[in-house]
């Protein structure tokens, strides 16, 4: 009976070791994949000359102010035409 227990203990240790090794390998693979993927995305974006969010926000604000000014001028023109 103790041989069966030792055998099962040995199997459990081997299984645990294999799982830990696989988990470590997967973790390393995931980290390398993430790093490479992020580098590729950064390179892709830089090559296409995309703007940053900050640049976009500035242009959006300028466009919004321009739109408001145009609406104000349209209203002013309409008032002048009605006189």
C-alpha atoms as a PDB file:
ATOM      1  CA  UNK A   1       0.000   0.000   0.000  1.00  0.00           C
ATOM      2  CA  UNK A   2       2.840   2.403   0.760  1.00  0.00           C
ATOM      3  CA  UNK A   3       4.265   1.716  -2.719  1.00  0.00           C
ATOM      4  CA  UNK A   4       0.981   2.918  -4.226  1.00  0.00           C
ATOM      5  CA  UNK A   5       1.082   6.051  -2.107  1.00  0.00           C
ATOM      6  CA  UNK A   6       4.715   6.738  -3.081  1.00  0.00           C
ATOM      7  CA  UNK A   7       3.836   6.141  -6.732  1.00  0.00           C
ATOM      8  CA  UNK A   8       0.894   8.531  -6.520  1.00  0.00           C
ATOM      9  CA  UNK A   9       3.051  11.088  -4.673  1.00  0.00           C
ATOM     10  CA  UNK A  10       5.691  10.825  -7.397  1.00  0.00           C
ATOM     11  CA  UNK A  11       3.047  11.251 -10.123  1.00  0.00           C
ATOM     12  CA  UNK A  12       1.617  14.263  -8.294  1.00  0.00           C
ATOM     13  CA  UNK A  13       5.095  15.838  -7.981  1.00  0.00           C
ATOM     14  CA  UNK A  14       5.843  15.239 -11.676  1.00  0.00           C
ATOM     15  CA  UNK A  15       2.471  16.656 -12.685  1.00  0.00           C
ATOM     16  CA  UNK A  16       2.956  19.686 -10.464  1.00  0.00           C
ATOM     17  CA  UNK A  17       6.442  20.236 -11.874  1.00  0.00           C
ATOM     18  CA  UNK A  18       5.172  19.939 -15.460  1.00  0.00           C
ATOM     19  CA  UNK A  19       2.345  22.380 -14.778  1.00  0.00           C
ATOM     20  CA  UNK A  20       4.721  24.883 -13.164  1.00  0.00           C
ATOM     21  CA  UNK A  21       7.134  24.587 -16.083  1.00  0.00           C
ATOM     22  CA  UNK A  22       4.328  25.019 -18.629  1.00  0.00           C
ATOM     23  CA  UNK A  23       2.912  27.974 -16.713  1.00  0.00           C
ATOM     24  CA  UNK A  24       6.318  29.638 -16.582  1.00  0.00           C
ATOM     25  CA  UNK A  25       6.862  29.038 -20.290  1.00  0.00           C
ATOM     26  CA  UNK A  26       3.436  30.408 -21.143  1.00  0.00           C
ATOM     27  CA  UNK A  27       4.039  33.453 -18.986  1.00  0.00           C
ATOM     28  CA  UNK A  28       7.379  34.101 -20.703  1.00  0.00           C
ATOM     29  CA  UNK A  29       5.799  33.580 -24.123  1.00  0.00           C
ATOM     30  CA  UNK A  30       2.947  35.954 -23.265  1.00  0.00           C
ATOM     31  CA  UNK A  31       5.355  38.655 -22.063  1.00  0.00           C
ATOM     32  CA  UNK A  32       7.498  38.339 -25.203  1.00  0.00           C
ATOM     33  CA  UNK A  33       4.409  38.338 -27.416  1.00  0.00           C
ATOM     34  CA  UNK A  34       3.007  41.450 -25.705  1.00  0.00           C
ATOM     35  CA  UNK A  35       6.317  43.279 -26.015  1.00  0.00           C
ATOM     36  CA  UNK A  36       6.727  42.388 -29.703  1.00  0.00           C
ATOM     37  CA  UNK A  37       3.099  43.196 -30.476  1.00  0.00           C
ATOM     38  CA  UNK A  38       3.371  46.611 -28.808  1.00  0.00           C
ATOM     39  CA  UNK A  39       6.571  47.358 -30.731  1.00  0.00           C
ATOM     40  CA  UNK A  40       4.897  46.432 -34.025  1.00  0.00           C
ATOM     41  CA  UNK A  41       1.855  48.597 -33.242  1.00  0.00           C
ATOM     42  CA  UNK A  42       4.078  51.558 -32.279  1.00  0.00           C
ATOM     43  CA  UNK A  43       6.063  51.165 -35.498  1.00  0.00           C
ATOM     44  CA  UNK A  44       2.865  50.869 -37.567  1.00  0.00           C
ATOM     45  CA  UNK A  45       1.404  54.032 -36.053  1.00  0.00           C
ATOM     46  CA  UNK A  46       4.617  56.044 -36.445  1.00  0.00           C
ATOM     47  CA  UNK A  47       4.924  55.043 -40.103  1.00  0.00           C
ATOM     48  CA  UNK A  48       1.417  56.296 -40.834  1.00  0.00           C
ATOM     49  CA  UNK A  49       1.905  59.724 -39.273  1.00  0.00           C
ATOM     50  CA  UNK A  50      -1.106  59.481 -36.983  1.00  0.00           C
ATOM     51  CA  UNK A  51      -1.632  62.412 -34.662  1.00  0.00           C
ATOM     52  CA  UNK A  52      -1.493  62.154 -30.913  1.00  0.00           C
ATOM     53  CA  UNK A  53      -4.625  62.568 -28.833  1.00  0.00           C
ATOM     54  CA  UNK A  54      -3.345  65.938 -27.634  1.00  0.00           C
ATOM     55  CA  UNK A  55      -2.923  67.167 -31.218  1.00  0.00           C
ATOM     56  CA  UNK A  56      -6.385  65.881 -32.081  1.00  0.00           C
ATOM     57  CA  UNK A  57      -7.906  67.632 -29.068  1.00  0.00           C
ATOM     58  CA  UNK A  58      -6.338  70.964 -30.084  1.00  0.00           C
ATOM     59  CA  UNK A  59      -7.623  70.700 -33.667  1.00  0.00           C
ATOM     60  CA  UNK A  60     -11.048  69.639 -32.400  1.00  0.00           C
ATOM     61  CA  UNK A  61     -11.209  72.706 -30.144  1.00  0.00           C
ATOM     62  CA  UNK A  62     -10.178  74.984 -33.024  1.00  0.00           C
ATOM     63  CA  UNK A  63     -12.841  73.427 -35.257  1.00  0.00           C
ATOM     64  CA  UNK A  64     -15.486  73.834 -32.554  1.00  0.00           C
ATOM     65  CA  UNK A  65     -14.608  77.498 -32.042  1.00  0.00           C
ATOM     66  CA  UNK A  66     -14.639  78.052 -35.815  1.00  0.00           C
ATOM     67  CA  UNK A  67     -18.061  76.449 -36.052  1.00  0.00           C
ATOM     68  CA  UNK A  68     -19.373  78.684 -33.262  1.00  0.00           C
ATOM     69  CA  UNK A  69     -17.927  81.752 -35.001  1.00  0.00           C
ATOM     70  CA  UNK A  70     -19.530  80.750 -38.309  1.00  0.00           C
ATOM     71  CA  UNK A  71     -22.901  80.318 -36.619  1.00  0.00           C
ATOM     72  CA  UNK A  72     -22.517  83.722 -34.951  1.00  0.00           C
ATOM     73  CA  UNK A  73     -21.656  85.341 -38.286  1.00  0.00           C
ATOM     74  CA  UNK A  74     -24.592  83.626 -40.033  1.00  0.00           C
ATOM     75  CA  UNK A  75     -26.907  85.017 -37.398  1.00  0.00           C
ATOM     76  CA  UNK A  76     -25.388  88.470 -37.772  1.00  0.00           C
ATOM     77  CA  UNK A  77     -25.740  88.353 -41.563  1.00  0.00           C
ATOM     78  CA  UNK A  78     -29.370  87.244 -41.245  1.00  0.00           C
ATOM     79  CA  UNK A  79     -30.104  90.129 -38.873  1.00  0.00           C
ATOM     80  CA  UNK A  80     -28.468  92.617 -41.239  1.00  0.00           C
ATOM     81  CA  UNK A  81     -30.432  91.253 -44.202  1.00  0.00           C
ATOM     82  CA  UNK A  82     -33.707  91.633 -42.290  1.00  0.00           C
ATOM     83  CA  UNK A  83     -33.124  95.341 -41.628  1.00  0.00           C
END
